[in-house]
Amino acid sequence: MTSHVTLYTDGACSGNPGPGGWGCVLLYAEHKRRISGYESHTTNNKMELMGVIKGLESLLRPMPVLIITDSQYVKNAFTEGWLENWQRNGWKTKNGKPVKNQEEWIRLSLLQRKHVLSWQWVKGHSGDKFNEMCDELARNAITQKKGIDEKF
């Protein structure tokens, strides 16, 4: 039996900024769930973050999570130490500018304390079944102006 959740995520924006959507697919043993959401005025990077945040917030208990994303921005913040540096520098970049999407980074930082996270990057639009599903979920959320939450 699987001992961790696999969380695929993606975000999309129609214009940047503009209407945006995020999508995530959670896989755990035989359980599969897909979730998406919509914001009327946002950025692509914020939607990438929201896919991860909402996926992690949907988990009922702390557990190991493998996050698979096509966002270098999100993955590298954890794997390259950006997030730790931002926190240490009072939420400023190395150039002294305020970190964008600070509220979302704080939420994600708190979720990192709850779950054991590992990260994997996948090239977007490369044929990965669940990455493509997340992309479709995010884009559908934009066109329908609403998200979903369903088992499949």
N, C-alpha and C. Protein backbone atom coordinates (compact mmCIF):
# COMPACT_ATOMS: atom_id res chain seq x y z
N MET A 1 0.84 -1.20 0.00
CA MET A 1 0.00 0.00 0.00
C MET A 1 0.88 1.25 0.00
N THR A 2 0.43 2.28 -0.69
CA THR A 2 1.17 3.52 -0.79
C THR A 2 1.25 4.20 0.57
N SER A 3 2.44 4.68 0.92
CA SER A 3 2.61 5.32 2.23
C SER A 3 2.64 6.84 2.13
N HIS A 4 2.44 7.36 0.93
CA HIS A 4 2.43 8.81 0.76
C HIS A 4 1.37 9.21 -0.27
N VAL A 5 1.03 10.48 -0.24
CA VAL A 5 0.13 11.06 -1.24
C VAL A 5 0.99 11.62 -2.36
N THR A 6 0.55 11.42 -3.59
CA THR A 6 1.16 12.10 -4.72
C THR A 6 0.22 13.23 -5.13
N LEU A 7 0.75 14.44 -5.17
CA LEU A 7 -0.04 15.63 -5.47
C LEU A 7 0.51 16.28 -6.73
N TYR A 8 -0.26 16.21 -7.80
CA TYR A 8 0.07 16.92 -9.05
C TYR A 8 -0.63 18.26 -9.00
N THR A 9 0.05 19.32 -9.46
CA THR A 9 -0.57 20.64 -9.44
C THR A 9 -0.23 21.43 -10.70
N ASP A 10 -1.09 22.39 -11.01
CA ASP A 10 -0.81 23.33 -12.09
C ASP A 10 -1.66 24.58 -11.89
N GLY A 11 -1.19 25.67 -12.47
CA GLY A 11 -1.92 26.92 -12.45
C GLY A 11 -1.94 27.52 -13.84
N ALA A 12 -2.93 28.35 -14.10
CA ALA A 12 -3.04 28.99 -15.42
C ALA A 12 -3.66 30.36 -15.24
N CYS A 13 -3.37 31.23 -16.20
CA CYS A 13 -3.90 32.58 -16.16
C CYS A 13 -4.19 33.02 -17.59
N SER A 14 -5.33 33.68 -17.79
CA SER A 14 -5.68 34.23 -19.09
C SER A 14 -5.31 35.71 -19.07
N GLY A 15 -4.09 36.01 -19.50
CA GLY A 15 -3.48 37.30 -19.26
C GLY A 15 -2.72 37.17 -17.95
N ASN A 16 -1.74 37.99 -17.72
CA ASN A 16 -0.95 37.87 -16.50
C ASN A 16 -0.56 39.26 -16.02
N PRO A 17 -1.42 39.92 -15.22
CA PRO A 17 -2.56 39.36 -14.49
C PRO A 17 -3.82 39.25 -15.34
N GLY A 18 -4.76 38.49 -14.79
CA GLY A 18 -6.04 38.28 -15.43
C GLY A 18 -6.80 37.21 -14.69
N PRO A 19 -7.88 36.68 -15.27
CA PRO A 19 -8.60 35.58 -14.64
C PRO A 19 -7.68 34.35 -14.59
N GLY A 20 -7.73 33.64 -13.47
CA GLY A 20 -6.84 32.49 -13.31
C GLY A 20 -7.52 31.30 -12.69
N GLY A 21 -6.89 30.15 -12.87
CA GLY A 21 -7.39 28.92 -12.28
C GLY A 21 -6.23 28.05 -11.84
N TRP A 22 -6.51 27.17 -10.91
CA TRP A 22 -5.53 26.19 -10.46
C TRP A 22 -6.20 24.83 -10.46
N GLY A 23 -5.41 23.80 -10.59
CA GLY A 23 -5.93 22.44 -10.55
C GLY A 23 -4.95 21.53 -9.84
N CYS A 24 -5.48 20.54 -9.15
CA CYS A 24 -4.61 19.55 -8.53
C CYS A 24 -5.28 18.18 -8.55
N VAL A 25 -4.44 17.17 -8.61
CA VAL A 25 -4.87 15.78 -8.56
C VAL A 25 -4.14 15.12 -7.41
N LEU A 26 -4.90 14.48 -6.52
CA LEU A 26 -4.32 13.77 -5.39
C LEU A 26 -4.50 12.27 -5.59
N LEU A 27 -3.42 11.54 -5.42
CA LEU A 27 -3.43 10.09 -5.57
C LEU A 27 -2.92 9.47 -4.27
N TYR A 28 -3.73 8.56 -3.69
CA TYR A 28 -3.32 7.86 -2.48
C TYR A 28 -3.92 6.47 -2.53
N ALA A 29 -3.05 5.46 -2.62
CA ALA A 29 -3.50 4.08 -2.77
C ALA A 29 -4.50 4.02 -3.92
N GLU A 30 -5.71 3.52 -3.67
CA GLU A 30 -6.70 3.43 -4.75
C GLU A 30 -7.58 4.69 -4.85
N HIS A 31 -7.32 5.67 -4.02
CA HIS A 31 -8.12 6.89 -4.00
C HIS A 31 -7.56 7.93 -4.98
N LYS A 32 -8.47 8.56 -5.73
CA LYS A 32 -8.09 9.63 -6.66
C LYS A 32 -9.08 10.77 -6.49
N ARG A 33 -8.55 11.98 -6.42
CA ARG A 33 -9.40 13.16 -6.24
C ARG A 33 -8.83 14.30 -7.09
N ARG A 34 -9.72 15.07 -7.69
CA ARG A 34 -9.28 16.24 -8.44
C ARG A 34 -10.04 17.46 -7.94
N ILE A 35 -9.29 18.56 -7.82
CA ILE A 35 -9.83 19.78 -7.25
C ILE A 35 -9.35 20.94 -8.12
N SER A 36 -10.19 21.95 -8.27
CA SER A 36 -9.76 23.15 -8.99
C SER A 36 -10.44 24.36 -8.39
N GLY A 37 -9.92 25.53 -8.74
CA GLY A 37 -10.50 26.77 -8.25
C GLY A 37 -10.23 27.91 -9.21
N TYR A 38 -10.90 29.02 -8.96
CA TYR A 38 -10.90 30.17 -9.87
C TYR A 38 -10.71 31.46 -9.08
N GLU A 39 -9.99 32.41 -9.67
CA GLU A 39 -9.91 33.78 -9.16
C GLU A 39 -10.07 34.72 -10.34
N SER A 40 -10.82 35.79 -10.13
CA SER A 40 -11.15 36.69 -11.24
C SER A 40 -9.98 37.57 -11.67
N HIS A 41 -9.07 37.90 -10.76
CA HIS A 41 -7.93 38.75 -11.11
C HIS A 41 -6.72 38.27 -10.32
N THR A 42 -5.76 37.68 -11.01
CA THR A 42 -4.64 37.05 -10.33
C THR A 42 -3.46 36.94 -11.28
N THR A 43 -2.44 36.21 -10.86
CA THR A 43 -1.27 35.96 -11.71
C THR A 43 -1.05 34.45 -11.85
N ASN A 44 -0.29 34.08 -12.85
CA ASN A 44 0.02 32.68 -13.07
C ASN A 44 0.76 32.08 -11.86
N ASN A 45 1.76 32.81 -11.34
CA ASN A 45 2.52 32.27 -10.21
C ASN A 45 1.64 32.06 -8.98
N LYS A 46 0.71 32.98 -8.73
CA LYS A 46 -0.19 32.80 -7.59
C LYS A 46 -1.05 31.55 -7.79
N MET A 47 -1.50 31.30 -9.01
CA MET A 47 -2.31 30.11 -9.27
C MET A 47 -1.48 28.84 -9.11
N GLU A 48 -0.22 28.87 -9.51
CA GLU A 48 0.66 27.72 -9.28
C GLU A 48 0.75 27.42 -7.78
N LEU A 49 0.92 28.47 -6.98
CA LEU A 49 0.97 28.31 -5.53
C LEU A 49 -0.34 27.78 -4.96
N MET A 50 -1.46 28.32 -5.44
CA MET A 50 -2.76 27.91 -4.91
C MET A 50 -3.05 26.44 -5.18
N GLY A 51 -2.59 25.92 -6.31
CA GLY A 51 -2.77 24.50 -6.58
C GLY A 51 -2.13 23.64 -5.51
N VAL A 52 -0.92 24.01 -5.10
CA VAL A 52 -0.22 23.26 -4.05
C VAL A 52 -0.92 23.47 -2.70
N ILE A 53 -1.22 24.72 -2.38
CA ILE A 53 -1.85 25.03 -1.09
C ILE A 53 -3.17 24.29 -0.93
N LYS A 54 -4.05 24.39 -1.91
CA LYS A 54 -5.37 23.76 -1.79
C LYS A 54 -5.27 22.24 -1.76
N GLY A 55 -4.33 21.69 -2.51
CA GLY A 55 -4.12 20.24 -2.46
C GLY A 55 -3.71 19.80 -1.07
N LEU A 56 -2.74 20.50 -0.48
CA LEU A 56 -2.28 20.14 0.87
C LEU A 56 -3.36 20.40 1.92
N GLU A 57 -4.10 21.49 1.78
CA GLU A 57 -5.16 21.78 2.75
C GLU A 57 -6.29 20.76 2.70
N SER A 58 -6.43 20.05 1.60
CA SER A 58 -7.50 19.06 1.48
C SER A 58 -7.18 17.76 2.21
N LEU A 59 -5.93 17.57 2.61
CA LEU A 59 -5.55 16.33 3.30
C LEU A 59 -6.10 16.33 4.72
N LEU A 60 -6.61 15.19 5.14
CA LEU A 60 -7.27 15.09 6.44
C LEU A 60 -6.31 14.93 7.60
N ARG A 61 -5.08 14.48 7.32
CA ARG A 61 -4.11 14.29 8.40
C ARG A 61 -2.70 14.52 7.85
N PRO A 62 -1.76 14.79 8.74
CA PRO A 62 -0.37 14.97 8.29
C PRO A 62 0.16 13.68 7.66
N MET A 63 0.88 13.82 6.58
CA MET A 63 1.49 12.66 5.93
C MET A 63 2.55 13.09 4.93
N PRO A 64 3.39 12.16 4.47
CA PRO A 64 4.35 12.48 3.42
C PRO A 64 3.63 12.75 2.10
N VAL A 65 4.09 13.78 1.40
CA VAL A 65 3.46 14.17 0.13
C VAL A 65 4.55 14.40 -0.91
N LEU A 66 4.43 13.71 -2.04
CA LEU A 66 5.27 13.98 -3.19
C LEU A 66 4.51 14.96 -4.07
N ILE A 67 5.06 16.15 -4.24
CA ILE A 67 4.41 17.19 -5.05
C ILE A 67 5.09 17.21 -6.41
N ILE A 68 4.29 17.02 -7.45
CA ILE A 68 4.80 17.03 -8.82
C ILE A 68 4.20 18.24 -9.52
N THR A 69 5.07 19.16 -9.93
CA THR A 69 4.63 20.43 -10.51
C THR A 69 5.46 20.77 -11.73
N ASP A 70 4.89 21.57 -12.62
CA ASP A 70 5.67 22.07 -13.75
C ASP A 70 6.17 23.49 -13.47
N SER A 71 6.01 23.95 -12.23
CA SER A 71 6.43 25.29 -11.84
C SER A 71 7.80 25.26 -11.16
N GLN A 72 8.82 25.72 -11.87
CA GLN A 72 10.15 25.85 -11.26
C GLN A 72 10.09 26.87 -10.11
N TYR A 73 9.27 27.89 -10.27
CA TYR A 73 9.10 28.94 -9.25
C TYR A 73 8.71 28.33 -7.90
N VAL A 74 7.72 27.46 -7.90
CA VAL A 74 7.26 26.85 -6.65
C VAL A 74 8.27 25.82 -6.15
N LYS A 75 8.68 24.92 -7.01
CA LYS A 75 9.61 23.86 -6.59
C LYS A 75 10.92 24.43 -6.06
N ASN A 76 11.50 25.37 -6.80
CA ASN A 76 12.81 25.90 -6.41
C ASN A 76 12.78 26.69 -5.11
N ALA A 77 11.65 27.28 -4.78
CA ALA A 77 11.55 27.99 -3.51
C ALA A 77 11.85 27.04 -2.35
N PHE A 78 11.49 25.78 -2.50
CA PHE A 78 11.75 24.78 -1.47
C PHE A 78 13.09 24.08 -1.67
N THR A 79 13.36 23.65 -2.88
CA THR A 79 14.56 22.83 -3.12
C THR A 79 15.84 23.64 -3.22
N GLU A 80 15.74 24.93 -3.52
CA GLU A 80 16.94 25.78 -3.65
C GLU A 80 17.10 26.73 -2.45
N GLY A 81 16.22 26.60 -1.45
CA GLY A 81 16.36 27.40 -0.23
C GLY A 81 15.84 28.82 -0.31
N TRP A 82 15.12 29.15 -1.38
CA TRP A 82 14.61 30.52 -1.51
C TRP A 82 13.68 30.87 -0.35
N LEU A 83 12.77 29.96 -0.02
CA LEU A 83 11.78 30.23 1.02
C LEU A 83 12.45 30.53 2.35
N GLU A 84 13.44 29.73 2.72
CA GLU A 84 14.17 29.97 3.97
C GLU A 84 14.85 31.34 3.95
N ASN A 85 15.47 31.67 2.83
CA ASN A 85 16.15 32.97 2.71
C ASN A 85 15.16 34.13 2.82
N TRP A 86 14.01 34.00 2.16
CA TRP A 86 13.00 35.07 2.24
C TRP A 86 12.55 35.28 3.68
N GLN A 87 12.30 34.17 4.38
CA GLN A 87 11.86 34.28 5.77
C GLN A 87 12.94 34.93 6.62
N ARG A 88 14.17 34.50 6.44
CA ARG A 88 15.30 35.04 7.20
C ARG A 88 15.50 36.53 6.91
N ASN A 89 15.22 36.95 5.68
CA ASN A 89 15.42 38.34 5.28
C ASN A 89 14.18 39.21 5.46
N GLY A 90 13.23 38.75 6.27
CA GLY A 90 12.02 39.55 6.51
C GLY A 90 11.14 39.68 5.29
N TRP A 91 11.05 38.60 4.52
CA TRP A 91 10.23 38.52 3.31
C TRP A 91 10.68 39.53 2.26
N LYS A 92 12.00 39.65 2.13
CA LYS A 92 12.61 40.46 1.08
C LYS A 92 13.46 39.54 0.20
N THR A 93 13.52 39.86 -1.09
CA THR A 93 14.39 39.12 -2.01
C THR A 93 15.84 39.52 -1.74
N LYS A 94 16.76 38.84 -2.41
CA LYS A 94 18.18 39.19 -2.22
C LYS A 94 18.48 40.61 -2.71
N ASN A 95 17.60 41.16 -3.54
CA ASN A 95 17.75 42.54 -4.01
C ASN A 95 17.04 43.55 -3.10
N GLY A 96 16.46 43.05 -2.00
CA GLY A 96 15.79 43.93 -1.04
C GLY A 96 14.36 44.28 -1.37
N LYS A 97 13.80 43.66 -2.40
CA LYS A 97 12.41 43.93 -2.79
C LYS A 97 11.47 42.98 -2.04
N PRO A 98 10.23 43.41 -1.78
CA PRO A 98 9.28 42.52 -1.12
C PRO A 98 9.02 41.27 -1.98
N VAL A 99 8.92 40.12 -1.33
CA VAL A 99 8.62 38.87 -2.01
C VAL A 99 7.18 38.92 -2.52
N LYS A 100 6.99 38.59 -3.79
CA LYS A 100 5.64 38.53 -4.34
C LYS A 100 4.93 37.30 -3.80
N ASN A 101 3.61 37.40 -3.65
CA ASN A 101 2.77 36.30 -3.16
C ASN A 101 3.14 35.87 -1.74
N GLN A 102 3.54 36.84 -0.93
CA GLN A 102 3.98 36.54 0.44
C GLN A 102 2.92 35.78 1.24
N GLU A 103 1.68 36.19 1.13
CA GLU A 103 0.61 35.53 1.89
C GLU A 103 0.53 34.04 1.54
N GLU A 104 0.65 33.72 0.26
CA GLU A 104 0.59 32.32 -0.17
C GLU A 104 1.83 31.56 0.29
N TRP A 105 3.00 32.20 0.23
CA TRP A 105 4.22 31.54 0.70
C TRP A 105 4.14 31.24 2.19
N ILE A 106 3.55 32.14 2.97
CA ILE A 106 3.40 31.89 4.40
C ILE A 106 2.47 30.71 4.62
N ARG A 107 1.36 30.66 3.90
CA ARG A 107 0.44 29.52 4.02
C ARG A 107 1.15 28.21 3.69
N LEU A 108 1.93 28.23 2.62
CA LEU A 108 2.63 27.03 2.19
C LEU A 108 3.72 26.64 3.20
N SER A 109 4.37 27.62 3.78
CA SER A 109 5.38 27.36 4.80
C SER A 109 4.76 26.67 6.02
N LEU A 110 3.58 27.12 6.42
CA LEU A 110 2.88 26.48 7.55
C LEU A 110 2.47 25.05 7.19
N LEU A 111 2.04 24.83 5.97
CA LEU A 111 1.67 23.48 5.54
C LEU A 111 2.89 22.57 5.48
N GLN A 112 4.05 23.13 5.17
CA GLN A 112 5.28 22.34 5.14
C GLN A 112 5.61 21.81 6.53
N ARG A 113 5.24 22.53 7.56
CA ARG A 113 5.48 22.07 8.93
C ARG A 113 4.55 20.92 9.31
N LYS A 114 3.41 20.84 8.66
CA LYS A 114 2.42 19.81 8.96
C LYS A 114 2.71 18.51 8.21
N HIS A 115 3.16 18.61 6.98
CA HIS A 115 3.40 17.45 6.13
C HIS A 115 4.88 17.34 5.79
N VAL A 116 5.32 16.14 5.46
CA VAL A 116 6.68 15.94 4.96
C VAL A 116 6.61 16.03 3.44
N LEU A 117 7.20 17.09 2.89
CA LEU A 117 7.07 17.35 1.45
C LEU A 117 8.33 16.96 0.70
N SER A 118 8.14 16.34 -0.45
CA SER A 118 9.22 16.14 -1.41
C SER A 118 8.72 16.67 -2.75
N TRP A 119 9.66 17.06 -3.60
CA TRP A 119 9.31 17.80 -4.82
C TRP A 119 9.87 17.13 -6.05
N GLN A 120 9.10 17.19 -7.11
CA GLN A 120 9.55 16.69 -8.41
C GLN A 120 9.02 17.64 -9.48
N TRP A 121 9.89 18.01 -10.41
CA TRP A 121 9.49 18.87 -11.51
C TRP A 121 9.17 18.02 -12.72
N VAL A 122 8.11 18.38 -13.43
CA VAL A 122 7.75 17.73 -14.69
C VAL A 122 7.59 18.83 -15.73
N LYS A 123 8.09 18.59 -16.90
CA LYS A 123 7.95 19.57 -17.98
C LYS A 123 6.48 19.69 -18.35
N GLY A 124 5.97 20.92 -18.39
CA GLY A 124 4.58 21.14 -18.76
C GLY A 124 4.32 20.78 -20.21
N HIS A 125 3.14 20.30 -20.48
CA HIS A 125 2.70 19.96 -21.84
C HIS A 125 3.61 18.92 -22.50
N SER A 126 4.11 18.00 -21.67
CA SER A 126 5.02 16.97 -22.19
C SER A 126 4.34 15.60 -22.28
N GLY A 127 3.03 15.55 -22.01
CA GLY A 127 2.31 14.30 -22.12
C GLY A 127 2.13 13.56 -20.82
N ASP A 128 2.60 14.12 -19.69
CA ASP A 128 2.38 13.48 -18.39
C ASP A 128 0.87 13.52 -18.10
N LYS A 129 0.28 12.35 -17.93
CA LYS A 129 -1.18 12.22 -17.80
C LYS A 129 -1.78 13.15 -16.73
N PHE A 130 -1.21 13.12 -15.53
CA PHE A 130 -1.82 13.89 -14.44
C PHE A 130 -1.46 15.37 -14.50
N ASN A 131 -0.29 15.71 -15.04
CA ASN A 131 0.03 17.12 -15.25
C ASN A 131 -0.93 17.72 -16.28
N GLU A 132 -1.20 16.97 -17.33
CA GLU A 132 -2.15 17.44 -18.36
C GLU A 132 -3.55 17.59 -17.76
N MET A 133 -3.92 16.67 -16.87
CA MET A 133 -5.23 16.75 -16.21
C MET A 133 -5.32 18.02 -15.35
N CYS A 134 -4.24 18.33 -14.63
CA CYS A 134 -4.22 19.55 -13.81
C CYS A 134 -4.32 20.80 -14.67
N ASP A 135 -3.63 20.79 -15.80
CA ASP A 135 -3.70 21.93 -16.73
C ASP A 135 -5.13 22.12 -17.22
N GLU A 136 -5.77 21.01 -17.57
CA GLU A 136 -7.16 21.08 -18.04
C GLU A 136 -8.09 21.58 -16.92
N LEU A 137 -7.88 21.10 -15.70
CA LEU A 137 -8.69 21.56 -14.57
C LEU A 137 -8.54 23.07 -14.37
N ALA A 138 -7.30 23.56 -14.43
CA ALA A 138 -7.05 25.00 -14.24
C ALA A 138 -7.71 25.81 -15.35
N ARG A 139 -7.56 25.37 -16.58
CA ARG A 139 -8.13 26.11 -17.72
C ARG A 139 -9.66 26.07 -17.70
N ASN A 140 -10.22 24.92 -17.34
CA ASN A 140 -11.68 24.82 -17.23
C ASN A 140 -12.22 25.73 -16.12
N ALA A 141 -11.48 25.85 -15.03
CA ALA A 141 -11.91 26.75 -13.94
C ALA A 141 -12.00 28.19 -14.45
N ILE A 142 -11.06 28.56 -15.33
CA ILE A 142 -11.09 29.92 -15.89
C ILE A 142 -12.32 30.10 -16.77
N THR A 143 -12.55 29.17 -17.69
CA THR A 143 -13.66 29.35 -18.63
C THR A 143 -15.02 29.23 -17.93
N GLN A 144 -15.11 28.37 -16.91
CA GLN A 144 -16.38 28.19 -16.21
C GLN A 144 -16.53 29.12 -15.00
N LYS A 145 -15.45 29.82 -14.66
CA LYS A 145 -15.44 30.74 -13.52
C LYS A 145 -15.82 30.07 -12.21
N LYS A 146 -15.43 28.80 -12.10
CA LYS A 146 -15.66 28.06 -10.85
C LYS A 146 -14.80 26.80 -10.86
N GLY A 147 -14.61 26.25 -9.69
CA GLY A 147 -13.81 25.04 -9.56
C GLY A 147 -14.66 23.82 -9.28
N ILE A 148 -13.97 22.69 -9.11
CA ILE A 148 -14.64 21.43 -8.80
C ILE A 148 -13.90 20.75 -7.65
N ASP A 149 -14.53 19.75 -7.06
CA ASP A 149 -13.90 18.87 -6.08
C ASP A 149 -14.62 17.54 -6.20
N GLU A 150 -13.93 16.56 -6.80
CA GLU A 150 -14.60 15.28 -7.04
C GLU A 150 -13.61 14.13 -7.05
N LYS A 151 -14.13 12.97 -6.70
CA LYS A 151 -13.35 11.73 -6.82
C LYS A 151 -13.50 11.24 -8.25
N PHE A 152 -12.50 10.51 -8.72
CA PHE A 152 -12.61 9.96 -10.07
C PHE A 152 -11.96 8.60 -10.13
